Amino acid sequence: MAEMVKYFWTKSVADGTRIGLTTEGQDELGTIKFAKLPAVGDTVKKGENLLSVEADKAVSDIQSPVSGKVAAVNPALANDFDALNGSDTDAAWFVDVQEA
């Protein structure tokens, strides 16, 4: 599997660490058609599978860059995945993780 770390960004937010998709990630994966996301309250561990995305070019498992509990899931992804395919990388986030 390709090194996916450079395709994802993290930043501090009020409820922990936000994990999102970079422009490079969008280019590498192609249009994302589906994402299997964790639920709020799920526990995640650094280096373990956080989510899976299905795109034009690949199906990829994404490992969590942090350990903790999922505090939020991007509500824009509830009905479609357009937020992950647009030019606004701030909108292209998956989850917020409250670090343990």
PDB file of N, CA and C in Angstrom:
ATOM      1  N   MET A   1       0.840  -1.176   0.000  1.00  0.00           N
ATOM      2  CA  MET A   1       0.000   0.000   0.000  1.00  0.00           C
ATOM      3  C   MET A   1       0.888   1.244   0.000  1.00  0.00           C
ATOM      4  N   ALA A   2       0.443   2.262  -0.695  1.00  0.00           N
ATOM      5  CA  ALA A   2       1.199   3.521  -0.766  1.00  0.00           C
ATOM      6  C   ALA A   2       1.245   4.180   0.606  1.00  0.00           C
ATOM      7  N   GLU A   3       2.256   4.993   0.791  1.00  0.00           N
ATOM      8  CA  GLU A   3       2.379   5.765   2.033  1.00  0.00           C
ATOM      9  C   GLU A   3       1.300   6.836   2.023  1.00  0.00           C
ATOM     10  N   MET A   4       0.322   6.683   2.887  1.00  0.00           N
ATOM     11  CA  MET A   4      -0.840   7.570   2.846  1.00  0.00           C
ATOM     12  C   MET A   4      -0.696   8.797   3.744  1.00  0.00           C
ATOM     13  N   VAL A   5       0.305   8.837   4.601  1.00  0.00           N
ATOM     14  CA  VAL A   5       0.409   9.914   5.586  1.00  0.00           C
ATOM     15  C   VAL A   5       0.402  11.289   4.922  1.00  0.00           C
ATOM     16  N   LYS A   6       1.112  11.454   3.824  1.00  0.00           N
ATOM     17  CA  LYS A   6       1.192  12.772   3.199  1.00  0.00           C
ATOM     18  C   LYS A   6      -0.134  13.199   2.572  1.00  0.00           C
ATOM     19  N   TYR A   7      -1.070  12.297   2.480  1.00  0.00           N
ATOM     20  CA  TYR A   7      -2.360  12.621   1.887  1.00  0.00           C
ATOM     21  C   TYR A   7      -3.387  13.086   2.910  1.00  0.00           C
ATOM     22  N   PHE A   8      -2.994  13.136   4.153  1.00  0.00           N
ATOM     23  CA  PHE A   8      -3.925  13.525   5.201  1.00  0.00           C
ATOM     24  C   PHE A   8      -3.316  14.593   6.082  1.00  0.00           C
ATOM     25  N   TRP A   9      -4.159  15.506   6.535  1.00  0.00           N
ATOM     26  CA  TRP A   9      -3.690  16.556   7.419  1.00  0.00           C
ATOM     27  C   TRP A   9      -4.344  16.402   8.782  1.00  0.00           C
ATOM     28  N   THR A  10      -3.683  16.964   9.784  1.00  0.00           N
ATOM     29  CA  THR A  10      -4.265  17.018  11.125  1.00  0.00           C
ATOM     30  C   THR A  10      -4.136  18.446  11.616  1.00  0.00           C
ATOM     31  N   LYS A  11      -5.082  18.857  12.417  1.00  0.00           N
ATOM     32  CA  LYS A  11      -4.965  20.154  13.074  1.00  0.00           C
ATOM     33  C   LYS A  11      -5.736  20.107  14.375  1.00  0.00           C
ATOM     34  N   SER A  12      -5.313  20.930  15.312  1.00  0.00           N
ATOM     35  CA  SER A  12      -5.979  20.999  16.611  1.00  0.00           C
ATOM     36  C   SER A  12      -7.289  21.764  16.475  1.00  0.00           C
ATOM     37  N   VAL A  13      -8.324  21.197  17.067  1.00  0.00           N
ATOM     38  CA  VAL A  13      -9.630  21.851  17.140  1.00  0.00           C
ATOM     39  C   VAL A  13     -10.106  21.754  18.578  1.00  0.00           C
ATOM     40  N   ALA A  14     -11.223  22.399  18.882  1.00  0.00           N
ATOM     41  CA  ALA A  14     -11.704  22.475  20.263  1.00  0.00           C
ATOM     42  C   ALA A  14     -11.860  21.105  20.919  1.00  0.00           C
ATOM     43  N   ASP A  15     -12.314  20.107  20.145  1.00  0.00           N
ATOM     44  CA  ASP A  15     -12.558  18.794  20.750  1.00  0.00           C
ATOM     45  C   ASP A  15     -11.491  17.771  20.396  1.00  0.00           C
ATOM     46  N   GLY A  16     -10.280  18.228  20.028  1.00  0.00           N
ATOM     47  CA  GLY A  16      -9.202  17.268  19.811  1.00  0.00           C
ATOM     48  C   GLY A  16      -8.415  17.531  18.543  1.00  0.00           C
ATOM     49  N   THR A  17      -8.197  16.472  17.773  1.00  0.00           N
ATOM     50  CA  THR A  17      -7.430  16.546  16.532  1.00  0.00           C
ATOM     51  C   THR A  17      -8.333  16.232  15.361  1.00  0.00           C
ATOM     52  N   ARG A  18      -8.385  17.148  14.407  1.00  0.00           N
ATOM     53  CA  ARG A  18      -9.188  16.936  13.192  1.00  0.00           C
ATOM     54  C   ARG A  18      -8.307  16.282  12.140  1.00  0.00           C
ATOM     55  N   ILE A  19      -8.861  15.289  11.442  1.00  0.00           N
ATOM     56  CA  ILE A  19      -8.132  14.548  10.414  1.00  0.00           C
ATOM     57  C   ILE A  19      -8.855  14.752   9.093  1.00  0.00           C
ATOM     58  N   GLY A  20      -8.104  15.227   8.081  1.00  0.00           N
ATOM     59  CA  GLY A  20      -8.721  15.520   6.796  1.00  0.00           C
ATOM     60  C   GLY A  20      -7.859  15.094   5.628  1.00  0.00           C
ATOM     61  N   LEU A  21      -8.369  15.333   4.441  1.00  0.00           N
ATOM     62  CA  LEU A  21      -7.754  14.900   3.189  1.00  0.00           C
ATOM     63  C   LEU A  21      -7.078  16.086   2.506  1.00  0.00           C
ATOM     64  N   THR A  22      -5.809  15.924   2.132  1.00  0.00           N
ATOM     65  CA  THR A  22      -5.081  16.986   1.436  1.00  0.00           C
ATOM     66  C   THR A  22      -5.406  16.981  -0.057  1.00  0.00           C
ATOM     67  N   THR A  23      -5.011  18.044  -0.737  1.00  0.00           N
ATOM     68  CA  THR A  23      -5.171  18.120  -2.183  1.00  0.00           C
ATOM     69  C   THR A  23      -4.412  16.989  -2.863  1.00  0.00           C
ATOM     70  N   GLU A  24      -3.206  16.668  -2.349  1.00  0.00           N
ATOM     71  CA  GLU A  24      -2.425  15.550  -2.903  1.00  0.00           C
ATOM     72  C   GLU A  24      -3.175  14.234  -2.760  1.00  0.00           C
ATOM     73  N   GLY A  25      -3.838  14.070  -1.630  1.00  0.00           N
ATOM     74  CA  GLY A  25      -4.634  12.868  -1.418  1.00  0.00           C
ATOM     75  C   GLY A  25      -5.782  12.774  -2.406  1.00  0.00           C
ATOM     76  N   GLN A  26      -6.440  13.909  -2.636  1.00  0.00           N
ATOM     77  CA  GLN A  26      -7.529  13.929  -3.616  1.00  0.00           C
ATOM     78  C   GLN A  26      -7.006  13.546  -5.000  1.00  0.00           C
ATOM     79  N   ASP A  27      -5.853  14.122  -5.372  1.00  0.00           N
ATOM     80  CA  ASP A  27      -5.276  13.835  -6.690  1.00  0.00           C
ATOM     81  C   ASP A  27      -4.896  12.365  -6.828  1.00  0.00           C
ATOM     82  N   GLU A  28      -4.309  11.811  -5.781  1.00  0.00           N
ATOM     83  CA  GLU A  28      -3.830  10.428  -5.825  1.00  0.00           C
ATOM     84  C   GLU A  28      -4.983   9.424  -5.862  1.00  0.00           C
ATOM     85  N   LEU A  29      -6.019   9.688  -5.079  1.00  0.00           N
ATOM     86  CA  LEU A  29      -7.133   8.746  -4.969  1.00  0.00           C
ATOM     87  C   LEU A  29      -8.156   8.902  -6.085  1.00  0.00           C
ATOM     88  N   GLY A  30      -8.310  10.118  -6.586  1.00  0.00           N
ATOM     89  CA  GLY A  30      -9.388  10.384  -7.525  1.00  0.00           C
ATOM     90  C   GLY A  30     -10.657  10.709  -6.749  1.00  0.00           C
ATOM     91  N   THR A  31     -11.766  10.768  -7.443  1.00  0.00           N
ATOM     92  CA  THR A  31     -13.038  11.126  -6.812  1.00  0.00           C
ATOM     93  C   THR A  31     -13.442  10.066  -5.792  1.00  0.00           C
ATOM     94  N   ILE A  32     -13.674  10.525  -4.564  1.00  0.00           N
ATOM     95  CA  ILE A  32     -14.102   9.601  -3.512  1.00  0.00           C
ATOM     96  C   ILE A  32     -15.597   9.375  -3.632  1.00  0.00           C
ATOM     97  N   LYS A  33     -15.968   8.099  -3.715  1.00  0.00           N
ATOM     98  CA  LYS A  33     -17.360   7.722  -3.906  1.00  0.00           C
ATOM     99  C   LYS A  33     -18.001   7.216  -2.611  1.00  0.00           C
ATOM    100  N   PHE A  34     -17.172   6.738  -1.690  1.00  0.00           N
ATOM    101  CA  PHE A  34     -17.696   6.177  -0.444  1.00  0.00           C
ATOM    102  C   PHE A  34     -16.612   6.249   0.619  1.00  0.00           C
ATOM    103  N   ALA A  35     -17.012   6.487   1.851  1.00  0.00           N
ATOM    104  CA  ALA A  35     -16.082   6.429   2.976  1.00  0.00           C
ATOM    105  C   ALA A  35     -16.758   5.720   4.127  1.00  0.00           C
ATOM    106  N   LYS A  36     -16.076   4.740   4.671  1.00  0.00           N
ATOM    107  CA  LYS A  36     -16.567   4.032   5.863  1.00  0.00           C
ATOM    108  C   LYS A  36     -15.892   4.694   7.055  1.00  0.00           C
ATOM    109  N   LEU A  37     -16.678   5.452   7.801  1.00  0.00           N
ATOM    110  CA  LEU A  37     -16.156   6.262   8.899  1.00  0.00           C
ATOM    111  C   LEU A  37     -16.501   5.646  10.241  1.00  0.00           C
ATOM    112  N   PRO A  38     -15.680   5.913  11.257  1.00  0.00           N
ATOM    113  CA  PRO A  38     -16.046   5.465  12.601  1.00  0.00           C
ATOM    114  C   PRO A  38     -17.204   6.309  13.120  1.00  0.00           C
ATOM    115  N   ALA A  39     -17.833   5.853  14.173  1.00  0.00           N
ATOM    116  CA  ALA A  39     -18.941   6.584  14.794  1.00  0.00           C
ATOM    117  C   ALA A  39     -18.430   7.397  15.983  1.00  0.00           C
ATOM    118  N   VAL A  40     -19.166   8.451  16.312  1.00  0.00           N
ATOM    119  CA  VAL A  40     -18.838   9.224  17.506  1.00  0.00           C
ATOM    120  C   VAL A  40     -18.856   8.280  18.708  1.00  0.00           C
ATOM    121  N   GLY A  41     -17.805   8.358  19.511  1.00  0.00           N
ATOM    122  CA  GLY A  41     -17.696   7.491  20.689  1.00  0.00           C
ATOM    123  C   GLY A  41     -16.792   6.291  20.467  1.00  0.00           C
ATOM    124  N   ASP A  42     -16.504   5.966  19.196  1.00  0.00           N
ATOM    125  CA  ASP A  42     -15.592   4.857  18.909  1.00  0.00           C
ATOM    126  C   ASP A  42     -14.186   5.197  19.409  1.00  0.00           C
ATOM    127  N   THR A  43     -13.481   4.192  19.898  1.00  0.00           N
ATOM    128  CA  THR A  43     -12.091   4.362  20.312  1.00  0.00           C
ATOM    129  C   THR A  43     -11.189   3.998  19.151  1.00  0.00           C
ATOM    130  N   VAL A  44     -10.182   4.837  18.907  1.00  0.00           N
ATOM    131  CA  VAL A  44      -9.225   4.565  17.833  1.00  0.00           C
ATOM    132  C   VAL A  44      -7.819   4.561  18.416  1.00  0.00           C
ATOM    133  N   LYS A  45      -6.943   3.796  17.780  1.00  0.00           N
ATOM    134  CA  LYS A  45      -5.552   3.716  18.233  1.00  0.00           C
ATOM    135  C   LYS A  45      -4.624   4.144  17.114  1.00  0.00           C
ATOM    136  N   LYS A  46      -3.610   4.901  17.465  1.00  0.00           N
ATOM    137  CA  LYS A  46      -2.618   5.360  16.498  1.00  0.00           C
ATOM    138  C   LYS A  46      -2.038   4.155  15.764  1.00  0.00           C
ATOM    139  N   GLY A  47      -1.999   4.253  14.429  1.00  0.00           N
ATOM    140  CA  GLY A  47      -1.438   3.191  13.613  1.00  0.00           C
ATOM    141  C   GLY A  47      -2.434   2.106  13.229  1.00  0.00           C
ATOM    142  N   GLU A  48      -3.619   2.126  13.834  1.00  0.00           N
ATOM    143  CA  GLU A  48      -4.647   1.145  13.482  1.00  0.00           C
ATOM    144  C   GLU A  48      -5.632   1.771  12.502  1.00  0.00           C
ATOM    145  N   ASN A  49      -6.414   0.939  11.840  1.00  0.00           N
ATOM    146  CA  ASN A  49      -7.343   1.422  10.826  1.00  0.00           C
ATOM    147  C   ASN A  49      -8.365   2.379  11.418  1.00  0.00           C
ATOM    148  N   LEU A  50      -8.461   3.575  10.837  1.00  0.00           N
ATOM    149  CA  LEU A  50      -9.419   4.586  11.271  1.00  0.00           C
ATOM    150  C   LEU A  50     -10.643   4.592  10.371  1.00  0.00           C
ATOM    151  N   LEU A  51     -10.401   4.531   9.067  1.00  0.00           N
ATOM    152  CA  LEU A  51     -11.492   4.590   8.106  1.00  0.00           C
ATOM    153  C   LEU A  51     -11.032   4.025   6.769  1.00  0.00           C
ATOM    154  N   SER A  52     -11.990   3.795   5.896  1.00  0.00           N
ATOM    155  CA  SER A  52     -11.694   3.316   4.550  1.00  0.00           C
ATOM    156  C   SER A  52     -12.368   4.246   3.555  1.00  0.00           C
ATOM    157  N   VAL A  53     -11.681   4.517   2.452  1.00  0.00           N
ATOM    158  CA  VAL A  53     -12.286   5.306   1.388  1.00  0.00           C
ATOM    159  C   VAL A  53     -12.252   4.510   0.084  1.00  0.00           C
ATOM    160  N   GLU A  54     -13.321   4.655  -0.673  1.00  0.00           N
ATOM    161  CA  GLU A  54     -13.403   4.030  -1.987  1.00  0.00           C
ATOM    162  C   GLU A  54     -13.441   5.154  -3.013  1.00  0.00           C
ATOM    163  N   ALA A  55     -12.457   5.164  -3.906  1.00  0.00           N
ATOM    164  CA  ALA A  55     -12.334   6.234  -4.885  1.00  0.00           C
ATOM    165  C   ALA A  55     -12.134   5.652  -6.277  1.00  0.00           C
ATOM    166  N   ASP A  56     -12.057   6.559  -7.265  1.00  0.00           N
ATOM    167  CA  ASP A  56     -11.873   6.134  -8.658  1.00  0.00           C
ATOM    168  C   ASP A  56     -10.666   5.223  -8.829  1.00  0.00           C
ATOM    169  N   LYS A  57      -9.550   5.584  -8.186  1.00  0.00           N
ATOM    170  CA  LYS A  57      -8.286   4.909  -8.449  1.00  0.00           C
ATOM    171  C   LYS A  57      -7.925   3.830  -7.440  1.00  0.00           C
ATOM    172  N   ALA A  58      -8.537   3.849  -6.258  1.00  0.00           N
ATOM    173  CA  ALA A  58      -8.115   2.896  -5.225  1.00  0.00           C
ATOM    174  C   ALA A  58      -9.126   2.817  -4.099  1.00  0.00           C
ATOM    175  N   VAL A  59      -9.074   1.704  -3.388  1.00  0.00           N
ATOM    176  CA  VAL A  59      -9.752   1.576  -2.106  1.00  0.00           C
ATOM    177  C   VAL A  59      -8.632   1.595  -1.077  1.00  0.00           C
ATOM    178  N   SER A  60      -8.709   2.503  -0.134  1.00  0.00           N
ATOM    179  CA  SER A  60      -7.611   2.684   0.812  1.00  0.00           C
ATOM    180  C   SER A  60      -8.098   2.660   2.246  1.00  0.00           C
ATOM    181  N   ASP A  61      -7.353   1.961   3.082  1.00  0.00           N
ATOM    182  CA  ASP A  61      -7.575   1.999   4.524  1.00  0.00           C
ATOM    183  C   ASP A  61      -6.668   3.086   5.076  1.00  0.00           C
ATOM    184  N   ILE A  62      -7.206   3.909   5.930  1.00  0.00           N
ATOM    185  CA  ILE A  62      -6.460   5.019   6.496  1.00  0.00           C
ATOM    186  C   ILE A  62      -6.198   4.730   7.967  1.00  0.00           C
ATOM    187  N   GLN A  63      -4.935   4.815   8.353  1.00  0.00           N
ATOM    188  CA  GLN A  63      -4.585   4.585   9.746  1.00  0.00           C
ATOM    189  C   GLN A  63      -4.682   5.873  10.542  1.00  0.00           C
ATOM    190  N   SER A  64      -5.063   5.739  11.791  1.00  0.00           N
ATOM    191  CA  SER A  64      -5.211   6.910  12.654  1.00  0.00           C
ATOM    192  C   SER A  64      -3.846   7.459  13.047  1.00  0.00           C
ATOM    193  N   PRO A  65      -3.669   8.782  12.933  1.00  0.00           N
ATOM    194  CA  PRO A  65      -2.413   9.394  13.361  1.00  0.00           C
ATOM    195  C   PRO A  65      -2.363   9.632  14.868  1.00  0.00           C
ATOM    196  N   VAL A  66      -3.495   9.429  15.562  1.00  0.00           N
ATOM    197  CA  VAL A  66      -3.578   9.654  17.009  1.00  0.00           C
ATOM    198  C   VAL A  66      -4.421   8.569  17.661  1.00  0.00           C
ATOM    199  N   SER A  67      -4.286   8.445  18.977  1.00  0.00           N
ATOM    200  CA  SER A  67      -5.140   7.545  19.751  1.00  0.00           C
ATOM    201  C   SER A  67      -6.140   8.371  20.533  1.00  0.00           C
ATOM    202  N   GLY A  68      -7.336   7.835  20.681  1.00  0.00           N
ATOM    203  CA  GLY A  68      -8.350   8.535  21.465  1.00  0.00           C
ATOM    204  C   GLY A  68      -9.745   8.077  21.105  1.00  0.00           C
ATOM    205  N   LYS A  69     -10.700   8.976  21.317  1.00  0.00           N
ATOM    206  CA  LYS A  69     -12.109   8.675  21.081  1.00  0.00           C
ATOM    207  C   LYS A  69     -12.641   9.629  20.020  1.00  0.00           C
ATOM    208  N   VAL A  70     -13.428   9.113  19.092  1.00  0.00           N
ATOM    209  CA  VAL A  70     -14.008   9.950  18.043  1.00  0.00           C
ATOM    210  C   VAL A  70     -15.014  10.903  18.688  1.00  0.00           C
ATOM    211  N   ALA A  71     -14.733  12.206  18.552  1.00  0.00           N
ATOM    212  CA  ALA A  71     -15.580  13.230  19.156  1.00  0.00           C
ATOM    213  C   ALA A  71     -16.595  13.789  18.163  1.00  0.00           C
ATOM    214  N   ALA A  72     -16.260  13.739  16.872  1.00  0.00           N
ATOM    215  CA  ALA A  72     -17.165  14.258  15.842  1.00  0.00           C
ATOM    216  C   ALA A  72     -16.847  13.601  14.504  1.00  0.00           C
ATOM    217  N   VAL A  73     -17.885  13.474  13.695  1.00  0.00           N
ATOM    218  CA  VAL A  73     -17.745  13.010  12.316  1.00  0.00           C
ATOM    219  C   VAL A  73     -18.295  14.140  11.451  1.00  0.00           C
ATOM    220  N   ASN A  74     -17.621  14.445  10.351  1.00  0.00           N
ATOM    221  CA  ASN A  74     -18.032  15.540   9.488  1.00  0.00           C
ATOM    222  C   ASN A  74     -19.479  15.351   9.041  1.00  0.00           C
ATOM    223  N   PRO A  75     -20.403  16.239   9.464  1.00  0.00           N
ATOM    224  CA  PRO A  75     -21.813  16.074   9.090  1.00  0.00           C
ATOM    225  C   PRO A  75     -22.058  16.205   7.593  1.00  0.00           C
ATOM    226  N   ALA A  76     -21.143  16.864   6.872  1.00  0.00           N
ATOM    227  CA  ALA A  76     -21.295  17.011   5.424  1.00  0.00           C
ATOM    228  C   ALA A  76     -21.170  15.676   4.703  1.00  0.00           C
ATOM    229  N   LEU A  77     -20.627  14.653   5.389  1.00  0.00           N
ATOM    230  CA  LEU A  77     -20.437  13.347   4.755  1.00  0.00           C
ATOM    231  C   LEU A  77     -21.611  12.399   4.995  1.00  0.00           C
ATOM    232  N   ALA A  78     -22.658  12.879   5.642  1.00  0.00           N
ATOM    233  CA  ALA A  78     -23.796  12.019   5.968  1.00  0.00           C
ATOM    234  C   ALA A  78     -24.535  11.548   4.719  1.00  0.00           C
ATOM    235  N   ASN A  79     -24.651  12.402   3.703  1.00  0.00           N
ATOM    236  CA  ASN A  79     -25.437  12.062   2.516  1.00  0.00           C
ATOM    237  C   ASN A  79     -24.610  11.861   1.261  1.00  0.00           C
ATOM    238  N   ASP A  80     -23.462  12.525   1.174  1.00  0.00           N
ATOM    239  CA  ASP A  80     -22.592  12.365   0.007  1.00  0.00           C
ATOM    240  C   ASP A  80     -21.163  12.728   0.420  1.00  0.00           C
ATOM    241  N   PHE A  81     -20.253  12.584  -0.531  1.00  0.00           N
ATOM    242  CA  PHE A  81     -18.842  12.781  -0.212  1.00  0.00           C
ATOM    243  C   PHE A  81     -18.231  13.937  -0.996  1.00  0.00           C
ATOM    244  N   ASP A  82     -19.091  14.862  -1.452  1.00  0.00           N
ATOM    245  CA  ASP A  82     -18.625  16.008  -2.233  1.00  0.00           C
ATOM    246  C   ASP A  82     -17.597  16.847  -1.477  1.00  0.00           C
ATOM    247  N   ALA A  83     -17.738  16.947  -0.160  1.00  0.00           N
ATOM    248  CA  ALA A  83     -16.795  17.757   0.633  1.00  0.00           C
ATOM    249  C   ALA A  83     -15.368  17.233   0.514  1.00  0.00           C
ATOM    250  N   LEU A  84     -15.221  15.932   0.272  1.00  0.00           N
ATOM    251  CA  LEU A  84     -13.892  15.338   0.142  1.00  0.00           C
ATOM    252  C   LEU A  84     -13.307  15.535  -1.258  1.00  0.00           C
ATOM    253  N   ASN A  85     -14.128  15.952  -2.201  1.00  0.00           N
ATOM    254  CA  ASN A  85     -13.695  16.073  -3.587  1.00  0.00           C
ATOM    255  C   ASN A  85     -13.550  17.518  -4.054  1.00  0.00           C
ATOM    256  N   GLY A  86     -13.846  18.467  -3.174  1.00  0.00           N
ATOM    257  CA  GLY A  86     -13.793  19.876  -3.557  1.00  0.00           C
ATOM    258  C   GLY A  86     -12.423  20.489  -3.343  1.00  0.00           C
ATOM    259  N   SER A  87     -12.322  21.776  -3.676  1.00  0.00           N
ATOM    260  CA  SER A  87     -11.039  22.474  -3.569  1.00  0.00           C
ATOM    261  C   SER A  87     -10.787  23.032  -2.169  1.00  0.00           C
ATOM    262  N   ASP A  88     -11.792  23.026  -1.301  1.00  0.00           N
ATOM    263  CA  ASP A  88     -11.646  23.556   0.058  1.00  0.00           C
ATOM    264  C   ASP A  88     -11.150  22.447   0.984  1.00  0.00           C
ATOM    265  N   THR A  89      -9.827  22.411   1.232  1.00  0.00           N
ATOM    266  CA  THR A  89      -9.288  21.328   2.054  1.00  0.00           C
ATOM    267  C   THR A  89      -9.762  21.417   3.500  1.00  0.00           C
ATOM    268  N   ASP A  90     -10.113  22.613   3.987  1.00  0.00           N
ATOM    269  CA  ASP A  90     -10.643  22.721   5.352  1.00  0.00           C
ATOM    270  C   ASP A  90     -11.978  21.990   5.494  1.00  0.00           C
ATOM    271  N   ALA A  91     -12.745  21.927   4.410  1.00  0.00           N
ATOM    272  CA  ALA A  91     -14.039  21.231   4.433  1.00  0.00           C
ATOM    273  C   ALA A  91     -13.866  19.729   4.255  1.00  0.00           C
ATOM    274  N   ALA A  92     -12.691  19.308   3.779  1.00  0.00           N
ATOM    275  CA  ALA A  92     -12.442  17.895   3.465  1.00  0.00           C
ATOM    276  C   ALA A  92     -11.894  17.159   4.675  1.00  0.00           C
ATOM    277  N   TRP A  93     -12.677  17.178   5.763  1.00  0.00           N
ATOM    278  CA  TRP A  93     -12.236  16.474   6.968  1.00  0.00           C
ATOM    279  C   TRP A  93     -13.162  15.296   7.237  1.00  0.00           C
ATOM    280  N   PHE A  94     -12.580  14.304   7.922  1.00  0.00           N
ATOM    281  CA  PHE A  94     -13.319  13.077   8.235  1.00  0.00           C
ATOM    282  C   PHE A  94     -13.882  13.107   9.654  1.00  0.00           C
ATOM    283  N   VAL A  95     -12.965  13.168  10.624  1.00  0.00           N
ATOM    284  CA  VAL A  95     -13.335  13.045  12.029  1.00  0.00           C
ATOM    285  C   VAL A  95     -12.487  13.932  12.911  1.00  0.00           C
ATOM    286  N   ASP A  96     -13.003  14.203  14.108  1.00  0.00           N
ATOM    287  CA  ASP A  96     -12.238  14.808  15.180  1.00  0.00           C
ATOM    288  C   ASP A  96     -12.022  13.720  16.226  1.00  0.00           C
ATOM    289  N   VAL A  97     -10.788  13.592  16.700  1.00  0.00           N
ATOM    290  CA  VAL A  97     -10.454  12.596  17.712  1.00  0.00           C
ATOM    291  C   VAL A  97      -9.980  13.301  18.967  1.00  0.00           C
ATOM    292  N   GLN A  98     -10.655  13.016  20.074  1.00  0.00           N
ATOM    293  CA  GLN A  98     -10.213  13.548  21.373  1.00  0.00           C
ATOM    294  C   GLN A  98      -9.162  12.602  21.894  1.00  0.00           C
ATOM    295  N   GLU A  99      -7.931  13.104  21.973  1.00  0.00           N
ATOM    296  CA  GLU A  99      -6.804  12.243  22.321  1.00  0.00           C
ATOM    297  C   GLU A  99      -6.877  11.793  23.775  1.00  0.00           C
ATOM    298  N   ALA A 100      -6.517  10.512  23.969  1.00  0.00           N
ATOM    299  CA  ALA A 100      -6.571   9.924  25.313  1.00  0.00           C
ATOM    300  C   ALA A 100      -5.296  10.246  26.079  1.00  0.00           C
TER     301      ALA A 100
END
